[in-house]
Amino acid sequence: MLRPNKHMNPERSVLSLAGALLSHLREARIETYGGLIGHARSQFGGADAIFVPTMSLLFLLGLVSYHGKSDSFEYVGP
């Protein structure tokens, strides 16, 4: 959810997870889907519900690209 409200925990938001995954992808450069969702689960516990919207946000911003053959994400940002 991109729209915050007063009941939302800012540490468990799409933007917070996007920052954590982006810093992980900057180091790894290429990460499989399973490895990336595993990293999200280890950092945020129940991140399954916001993982897909987070990756969609990073893709729309042009920071990651998806490779279908290897089922992996690549960091392509600045």
PDB file of N, CA and C in Angstrom:
ATOM      1  N   MET A   1       0.831  -1.165   0.000  1.00  0.00           N
ATOM      2  CA  MET A   1       0.000   0.000   0.000  1.00  0.00           C
ATOM      3  C   MET A   1       0.884   1.239   0.000  1.00  0.00           C
ATOM      4  N   LEU A   2       0.659   2.073  -0.956  1.00  0.00           N
ATOM      5  CA  LEU A   2       1.458   3.286  -1.054  1.00  0.00           C
ATOM      6  C   LEU A   2       0.858   4.442  -0.281  1.00  0.00           C
ATOM      7  N   ARG A   3      -0.420   4.380   0.014  1.00  0.00           N
ATOM      8  CA  ARG A   3      -1.049   5.459   0.765  1.00  0.00           C
ATOM      9  C   ARG A   3      -0.976   5.163   2.259  1.00  0.00           C
ATOM     10  N   PRO A   4      -0.227   5.941   2.986  1.00  0.00           N
ATOM     11  CA  PRO A   4      -0.136   5.688   4.424  1.00  0.00           C
ATOM     12  C   PRO A   4      -1.367   6.197   5.165  1.00  0.00           C
ATOM     13  N   ASN A   5      -1.636   5.570   6.295  1.00  0.00           N
ATOM     14  CA  ASN A   5      -2.662   6.072   7.191  1.00  0.00           C
ATOM     15  C   ASN A   5      -2.122   5.989   8.616  1.00  0.00           C
ATOM     16  N   LYS A   6      -2.867   6.436   9.580  1.00  0.00           N
ATOM     17  CA  LYS A   6      -2.341   6.520  10.930  1.00  0.00           C
ATOM     18  C   LYS A   6      -2.194   5.155  11.610  1.00  0.00           C
ATOM     19  N   HIS A   7      -2.796   4.126  11.051  1.00  0.00           N
ATOM     20  CA  HIS A   7      -2.714   2.805  11.652  1.00  0.00           C
ATOM     21  C   HIS A   7      -1.618   1.938  11.027  1.00  0.00           C
ATOM     22  N   MET A   8      -0.957   2.434  10.019  1.00  0.00           N
ATOM     23  CA  MET A   8       0.034   1.654   9.307  1.00  0.00           C
ATOM     24  C   MET A   8       1.410   1.779   9.966  1.00  0.00           C
ATOM     25  N   ASN A   9       2.109   0.664  10.041  1.00  0.00           N
ATOM     26  CA  ASN A   9       3.473   0.666  10.549  1.00  0.00           C
ATOM     27  C   ASN A   9       4.406   1.050   9.400  1.00  0.00           C
ATOM     28  N   PRO A  10       5.135   2.159   9.498  1.00  0.00           N
ATOM     29  CA  PRO A  10       5.976   2.589   8.382  1.00  0.00           C
ATOM     30  C   PRO A  10       7.118   1.622   8.075  1.00  0.00           C
ATOM     31  N   GLU A  11       7.503   0.800   9.041  1.00  0.00           N
ATOM     32  CA  GLU A  11       8.580  -0.152   8.806  1.00  0.00           C
ATOM     33  C   GLU A  11       8.116  -1.364   8.005  1.00  0.00           C
ATOM     34  N   ARG A  12       6.814  -1.552   7.867  1.00  0.00           N
ATOM     35  CA  ARG A  12       6.268  -2.680   7.109  1.00  0.00           C
ATOM     36  C   ARG A  12       5.499  -2.192   5.879  1.00  0.00           C
ATOM     37  N   SER A  13       6.007  -1.154   5.244  1.00  0.00           N
ATOM     38  CA  SER A  13       5.341  -0.589   4.075  1.00  0.00           C
ATOM     39  C   SER A  13       6.082  -0.983   2.799  1.00  0.00           C
ATOM     40  N   VAL A  14       5.466  -0.691   1.679  1.00  0.00           N
ATOM     41  CA  VAL A  14       6.059  -0.979   0.372  1.00  0.00           C
ATOM     42  C   VAL A  14       7.351  -0.187   0.198  1.00  0.00           C
ATOM     43  N   LEU A  15       7.358   1.064   0.606  1.00  0.00           N
ATOM     44  CA  LEU A  15       8.547   1.889   0.423  1.00  0.00           C
ATOM     45  C   LEU A  15       9.710   1.417   1.287  1.00  0.00           C
ATOM     46  N   SER A  16       9.415   0.958   2.477  1.00  0.00           N
ATOM     47  CA  SER A  16      10.466   0.463   3.351  1.00  0.00           C
ATOM     48  C   SER A  16      11.067  -0.832   2.797  1.00  0.00           C
ATOM     49  N   LEU A  17      10.228  -1.735   2.344  1.00  0.00           N
ATOM     50  CA  LEU A  17      10.711  -2.979   1.752  1.00  0.00           C
ATOM     51  C   LEU A  17      11.455  -2.709   0.450  1.00  0.00           C
ATOM     52  N   ALA A  18      10.995  -1.731  -0.316  1.00  0.00           N
ATOM     53  CA  ALA A  18      11.673  -1.381  -1.567  1.00  0.00           C
ATOM     54  C   ALA A  18      13.094  -0.904  -1.294  1.00  0.00           C
ATOM     55  N   GLY A  19      13.283  -0.125  -0.265  1.00  0.00           N
ATOM     56  CA  GLY A  19      14.621   0.333   0.089  1.00  0.00           C
ATOM     57  C   GLY A  19      15.526  -0.807   0.507  1.00  0.00           C
ATOM     58  N   ALA A  20      14.999  -1.733   1.291  1.00  0.00           N
ATOM     59  CA  ALA A  20      15.798  -2.876   1.738  1.00  0.00           C
ATOM     60  C   ALA A  20      16.164  -3.786   0.570  1.00  0.00           C
ATOM     61  N   LEU A  21      15.214  -4.058  -0.312  1.00  0.00           N
ATOM     62  CA  LEU A  21      15.493  -4.928  -1.454  1.00  0.00           C
ATOM     63  C   LEU A  21      16.419  -4.260  -2.457  1.00  0.00           C
ATOM     64  N   LEU A  22      16.288  -2.963  -2.606  1.00  0.00           N
ATOM     65  CA  LEU A  22      17.147  -2.240  -3.533  1.00  0.00           C
ATOM     66  C   LEU A  22      18.591  -2.245  -3.045  1.00  0.00           C
ATOM     67  N   SER A  23      18.804  -2.072  -1.756  1.00  0.00           N
ATOM     68  CA  SER A  23      20.177  -2.122  -1.245  1.00  0.00           C
ATOM     69  C   SER A  23      20.760  -3.533  -1.375  1.00  0.00           C
ATOM     70  N   HIS A  24      19.927  -4.559  -1.210  1.00  0.00           N
ATOM     71  CA  HIS A  24      20.394  -5.929  -1.403  1.00  0.00           C
ATOM     72  C   HIS A  24      20.739  -6.183  -2.866  1.00  0.00           C
ATOM     73  N   LEU A  25      19.911  -5.683  -3.776  1.00  0.00           N
ATOM     74  CA  LEU A  25      20.174  -5.889  -5.203  1.00  0.00           C
ATOM     75  C   LEU A  25      21.381  -5.096  -5.681  1.00  0.00           C
ATOM     76  N   ARG A  26      21.664  -3.964  -5.073  1.00  0.00           N
ATOM     77  CA  ARG A  26      22.862  -3.207  -5.460  1.00  0.00           C
ATOM     78  C   ARG A  26      24.123  -4.021  -5.190  1.00  0.00           C
ATOM     79  N   GLU A  27      24.137  -4.765  -4.102  1.00  0.00           N
ATOM     80  CA  GLU A  27      25.302  -5.580  -3.769  1.00  0.00           C
ATOM     81  C   GLU A  27      25.364  -6.839  -4.625  1.00  0.00           C
ATOM     82  N   ALA A  28      24.227  -7.513  -4.780  1.00  0.00           N
ATOM     83  CA  ALA A  28      24.208  -8.800  -5.483  1.00  0.00           C
ATOM     84  C   ALA A  28      24.157  -8.644  -6.998  1.00  0.00           C
ATOM     85  N   ARG A  29      23.625  -7.535  -7.493  1.00  0.00           N
ATOM     86  CA  ARG A  29      23.420  -7.236  -8.914  1.00  0.00           C
ATOM     87  C   ARG A  29      22.353  -8.116  -9.554  1.00  0.00           C
ATOM     88  N   ILE A  30      22.402  -9.433  -9.398  1.00  0.00           N
ATOM     89  CA  ILE A  30      21.381 -10.337  -9.931  1.00  0.00           C
ATOM     90  C   ILE A  30      20.981 -11.294  -8.816  1.00  0.00           C
ATOM     91  N   GLU A  31      19.680 -11.451  -8.637  1.00  0.00           N
ATOM     92  CA  GLU A  31      19.170 -12.335  -7.580  1.00  0.00           C
ATOM     93  C   GLU A  31      17.955 -13.065  -8.110  1.00  0.00           C
ATOM     94  N   THR A  32      17.836 -14.332  -7.779  1.00  0.00           N
ATOM     95  CA  THR A  32      16.683 -15.109  -8.209  1.00  0.00           C
ATOM     96  C   THR A  32      15.440 -14.653  -7.442  1.00  0.00           C
ATOM     97  N   TYR A  33      14.288 -15.007  -7.984  1.00  0.00           N
ATOM     98  CA  TYR A  33      13.026 -14.649  -7.339  1.00  0.00           C
ATOM     99  C   TYR A  33      12.949 -15.258  -5.948  1.00  0.00           C
ATOM    100  N   GLY A  34      13.308 -16.524  -5.834  1.00  0.00           N
ATOM    101  CA  GLY A  34      13.264 -17.204  -4.540  1.00  0.00           C
ATOM    102  C   GLY A  34      14.238 -16.615  -3.537  1.00  0.00           C
ATOM    103  N   GLY A  35      15.420 -16.255  -4.005  1.00  0.00           N
ATOM    104  CA  GLY A  35      16.398 -15.637  -3.120  1.00  0.00           C
ATOM    105  C   GLY A  35      15.956 -14.271  -2.634  1.00  0.00           C
ATOM    106  N   LEU A  36      15.314 -13.513  -3.520  1.00  0.00           N
ATOM    107  CA  LEU A  36      14.870 -12.167  -3.152  1.00  0.00           C
ATOM    108  C   LEU A  36      13.689 -12.205  -2.194  1.00  0.00           C
ATOM    109  N   ILE A  37      12.754 -13.105  -2.429  1.00  0.00           N
ATOM    110  CA  ILE A  37      11.627 -13.202  -1.502  1.00  0.00           C
ATOM    111  C   ILE A  37      12.088 -13.795  -0.168  1.00  0.00           C
ATOM    112  N   GLY A  38      13.091 -14.646  -0.194  1.00  0.00           N
ATOM    113  CA  GLY A  38      13.669 -15.152   1.045  1.00  0.00           C
ATOM    114  C   GLY A  38      14.333 -14.051   1.849  1.00  0.00           C
ATOM    115  N   HIS A  39      15.014 -13.148   1.156  1.00  0.00           N
ATOM    116  CA  HIS A  39      15.624 -11.999   1.831  1.00  0.00           C
ATOM    117  C   HIS A  39      14.552 -11.091   2.419  1.00  0.00           C
ATOM    118  N   ALA A  40      13.463 -10.896   1.683  1.00  0.00           N
ATOM    119  CA  ALA A  40      12.366 -10.061   2.181  1.00  0.00           C
ATOM    120  C   ALA A  40      11.725 -10.682   3.413  1.00  0.00           C
ATOM    121  N   ARG A  41      11.565 -12.001   3.412  1.00  0.00           N
ATOM    122  CA  ARG A  41      10.981 -12.677   4.572  1.00  0.00           C
ATOM    123  C   ARG A  41      11.892 -12.589   5.781  1.00  0.00           C
ATOM    124  N   SER A  42      13.186 -12.677   5.569  1.00  0.00           N
ATOM    125  CA  SER A  42      14.112 -12.607   6.701  1.00  0.00           C
ATOM    126  C   SER A  42      14.184 -11.201   7.275  1.00  0.00           C
ATOM    127  N   GLN A  43      13.999 -10.188   6.447  1.00  0.00           N
ATOM    128  CA  GLN A  43      14.055  -8.806   6.912  1.00  0.00           C
ATOM    129  C   GLN A  43      12.737  -8.334   7.513  1.00  0.00           C
ATOM    130  N   PHE A  44      11.601  -8.768   6.936  1.00  0.00           N
ATOM    131  CA  PHE A  44      10.305  -8.211   7.302  1.00  0.00           C
ATOM    132  C   PHE A  44       9.282  -9.238   7.760  1.00  0.00           C
ATOM    133  N   GLY A  45       9.689 -10.453   8.034  1.00  0.00           N
ATOM    134  CA  GLY A  45       8.746 -11.453   8.544  1.00  0.00           C
ATOM    135  C   GLY A  45       7.677 -11.818   7.535  1.00  0.00           C
ATOM    136  N   GLY A  46       6.515 -11.208   7.604  1.00  0.00           N
ATOM    137  CA  GLY A  46       5.401 -11.520   6.707  1.00  0.00           C
ATOM    138  C   GLY A  46       5.337 -10.600   5.516  1.00  0.00           C
ATOM    139  N   ALA A  47       6.372 -10.579   4.712  1.00  0.00           N
ATOM    140  CA  ALA A  47       6.446  -9.656   3.579  1.00  0.00           C
ATOM    141  C   ALA A  47       5.810 -10.206   2.311  1.00  0.00           C
ATOM    142  N   ASP A  48       5.151 -11.359   2.393  1.00  0.00           N
ATOM    143  CA  ASP A  48       4.570 -11.963   1.192  1.00  0.00           C
ATOM    144  C   ASP A  48       3.497 -11.091   0.559  1.00  0.00           C
ATOM    145  N   ALA A  49       2.721 -10.402   1.373  1.00  0.00           N
ATOM    146  CA  ALA A  49       1.610  -9.598   0.859  1.00  0.00           C
ATOM    147  C   ALA A  49       2.089  -8.358   0.122  1.00  0.00           C
ATOM    148  N   ILE A  50       3.250  -7.824   0.495  1.00  0.00           N
ATOM    149  CA  ILE A  50       3.709  -6.585  -0.138  1.00  0.00           C
ATOM    150  C   ILE A  50       4.901  -6.796  -1.059  1.00  0.00           C
ATOM    151  N   PHE A  51       5.322  -8.049  -1.267  1.00  0.00           N
ATOM    152  CA  PHE A  51       6.482  -8.299  -2.120  1.00  0.00           C
ATOM    153  C   PHE A  51       6.212  -7.942  -3.576  1.00  0.00           C
ATOM    154  N   VAL A  52       5.097  -8.400  -4.120  1.00  0.00           N
ATOM    155  CA  VAL A  52       4.787  -8.142  -5.534  1.00  0.00           C
ATOM    156  C   VAL A  52       4.564  -6.648  -5.799  1.00  0.00           C
ATOM    157  N   PRO A  53       3.805  -5.923  -4.955  1.00  0.00           N
ATOM    158  CA  PRO A  53       3.698  -4.481  -5.191  1.00  0.00           C
ATOM    159  C   PRO A  53       5.042  -3.758  -5.077  1.00  0.00           C
ATOM    160  N   THR A  54       5.919  -4.247  -4.205  1.00  0.00           N
ATOM    161  CA  THR A  54       7.236  -3.634  -4.069  1.00  0.00           C
ATOM    162  C   THR A  54       8.068  -3.833  -5.324  1.00  0.00           C
ATOM    163  N   MET A  55       8.064  -5.037  -5.862  1.00  0.00           N
ATOM    164  CA  MET A  55       8.826  -5.289  -7.078  1.00  0.00           C
ATOM    165  C   MET A  55       8.216  -4.558  -8.270  1.00  0.00           C
ATOM    166  N   SER A  56       6.903  -4.405  -8.286  1.00  0.00           N
ATOM    167  CA  SER A  56       6.253  -3.628  -9.346  1.00  0.00           C
ATOM    168  C   SER A  56       6.685  -2.166  -9.282  1.00  0.00           C
ATOM    169  N   LEU A  57       6.780  -1.624  -8.075  1.00  0.00           N
ATOM    170  CA  LEU A  57       7.230  -0.242  -7.914  1.00  0.00           C
ATOM    171  C   LEU A  57       8.658  -0.077  -8.415  1.00  0.00           C
ATOM    172  N   LEU A  58       9.548  -0.980  -8.034  1.00  0.00           N
ATOM    173  CA  LEU A  58      10.944  -0.887  -8.476  1.00  0.00           C
ATOM    174  C   LEU A  58      11.059  -1.057  -9.988  1.00  0.00           C
ATOM    175  N   PHE A  59      10.229  -1.921 -10.570  1.00  0.00           N
ATOM    176  CA  PHE A  59      10.238  -2.104 -12.018  1.00  0.00           C
ATOM    177  C   PHE A  59       9.731  -0.854 -12.729  1.00  0.00           C
ATOM    178  N   LEU A  60       8.656  -0.257 -12.222  1.00  0.00           N
ATOM    179  CA  LEU A  60       8.108   0.944 -12.850  1.00  0.00           C
ATOM    180  C   LEU A  60       9.042   2.136 -12.741  1.00  0.00           C
ATOM    181  N   LEU A  61       9.831   2.187 -11.690  1.00  0.00           N
ATOM    182  CA  LEU A  61      10.813   3.260 -11.535  1.00  0.00           C
ATOM    183  C   LEU A  61      12.052   3.033 -12.386  1.00  0.00           C
ATOM    184  N   GLY A  62      12.149   1.865 -13.016  1.00  0.00           N
ATOM    185  CA  GLY A  62      13.283   1.565 -13.883  1.00  0.00           C
ATOM    186  C   GLY A  62      14.537   1.181 -13.130  1.00  0.00           C
ATOM    187  N   LEU A  63      14.386   0.687 -11.912  1.00  0.00           N
ATOM    188  CA  LEU A  63      15.545   0.334 -11.100  1.00  0.00           C
ATOM    189  C   LEU A  63      15.908  -1.140 -11.196  1.00  0.00           C
ATOM    190  N   VAL A  64      14.960  -1.974 -11.587  1.00  0.00           N
ATOM    191  CA  VAL A  64      15.226  -3.413 -11.734  1.00  0.00           C
ATOM    192  C   VAL A  64      14.637  -3.891 -13.055  1.00  0.00           C
ATOM    193  N   SER A  65      15.190  -4.966 -13.552  1.00  0.00           N
ATOM    194  CA  SER A  65      14.613  -5.632 -14.716  1.00  0.00           C
ATOM    195  C   SER A  65      14.455  -7.109 -14.374  1.00  0.00           C
ATOM    196  N   TYR A  66      13.496  -7.742 -15.016  1.00  0.00           N
ATOM    197  CA  TYR A  66      13.196  -9.143 -14.752  1.00  0.00           C
ATOM    198  C   TYR A  66      13.628  -9.987 -15.935  1.00  0.00           C
ATOM    199  N   HIS A  67      14.328 -11.083 -15.667  1.00  0.00           N
ATOM    200  CA  HIS A  67      14.751 -12.018 -16.698  1.00  0.00           C
ATOM    201  C   HIS A  67      13.937 -13.298 -16.534  1.00  0.00           C
ATOM    202  N   GLY A  68      13.065 -13.559 -17.480  1.00  0.00           N
ATOM    203  CA  GLY A  68      12.150 -14.688 -17.396  1.00  0.00           C
ATOM    204  C   GLY A  68      12.816 -16.050 -17.503  1.00  0.00           C
ATOM    205  N   LYS A  69      13.859 -16.166 -18.330  1.00  0.00           N
ATOM    206  CA  LYS A  69      14.520 -17.457 -18.501  1.00  0.00           C
ATOM    207  C   LYS A  69      15.150 -17.955 -17.205  1.00  0.00           C
ATOM    208  N   SER A  70      15.794 -17.054 -16.498  1.00  0.00           N
ATOM    209  CA  SER A  70      16.471 -17.449 -15.258  1.00  0.00           C
ATOM    210  C   SER A  70      15.638 -17.135 -14.022  1.00  0.00           C
ATOM    211  N   ASP A  71      14.451 -16.549 -14.215  1.00  0.00           N
ATOM    212  CA  ASP A  71      13.556 -16.178 -13.115  1.00  0.00           C
ATOM    213  C   ASP A  71      14.311 -15.363 -12.071  1.00  0.00           C
ATOM    214  N   SER A  72      14.942 -14.277 -12.537  1.00  0.00           N
ATOM    215  CA  SER A  72      15.753 -13.462 -11.646  1.00  0.00           C
ATOM    216  C   SER A  72      15.547 -11.984 -11.933  1.00  0.00           C
ATOM    217  N   PHE A  73      15.907 -11.186 -10.940  1.00  0.00           N
ATOM    218  CA  PHE A  73      15.862  -9.727 -11.046  1.00  0.00           C
ATOM    219  C   PHE A  73      17.272  -9.192 -11.108  1.00  0.00           C
ATOM    220  N   GLU A  74      17.457  -8.145 -11.923  1.00  0.00           N
ATOM    221  CA  GLU A  74      18.769  -7.516 -12.057  1.00  0.00           C
ATOM    222  C   GLU A  74      18.637  -6.044 -11.713  1.00  0.00           C
ATOM    223  N   TYR A  75      19.592  -5.534 -10.961  1.00  0.00           N
ATOM    224  CA  TYR A  75      19.644  -4.112 -10.637  1.00  0.00           C
ATOM    225  C   TYR A  75      20.181  -3.362 -11.841  1.00  0.00           C
ATOM    226  N   VAL A  76      19.409  -2.401 -12.351  1.00  0.00           N
ATOM    227  CA  VAL A  76      19.844  -1.619 -13.510  1.00  0.00           C
ATOM    228  C   VAL A  76      19.797  -0.119 -13.220  1.00  0.00           C
ATOM    229  N   GLY A  77      19.571   0.248 -11.993  1.00  0.00           N
ATOM    230  CA  GLY A  77      19.448   1.649 -11.606  1.00  0.00           C
ATOM    231  C   GLY A  77      20.764   2.385 -11.641  1.00  0.00           C
ATOM    232  N   PRO A  78      20.708   3.662 -11.307  1.00  0.00           N
ATOM    233  CA  PRO A  78      21.926   4.492 -11.348  1.00  0.00           C
ATOM    234  C   PRO A  78      22.941   4.126 -10.286  1.00  0.00           C
TER     235      PRO A  78
END
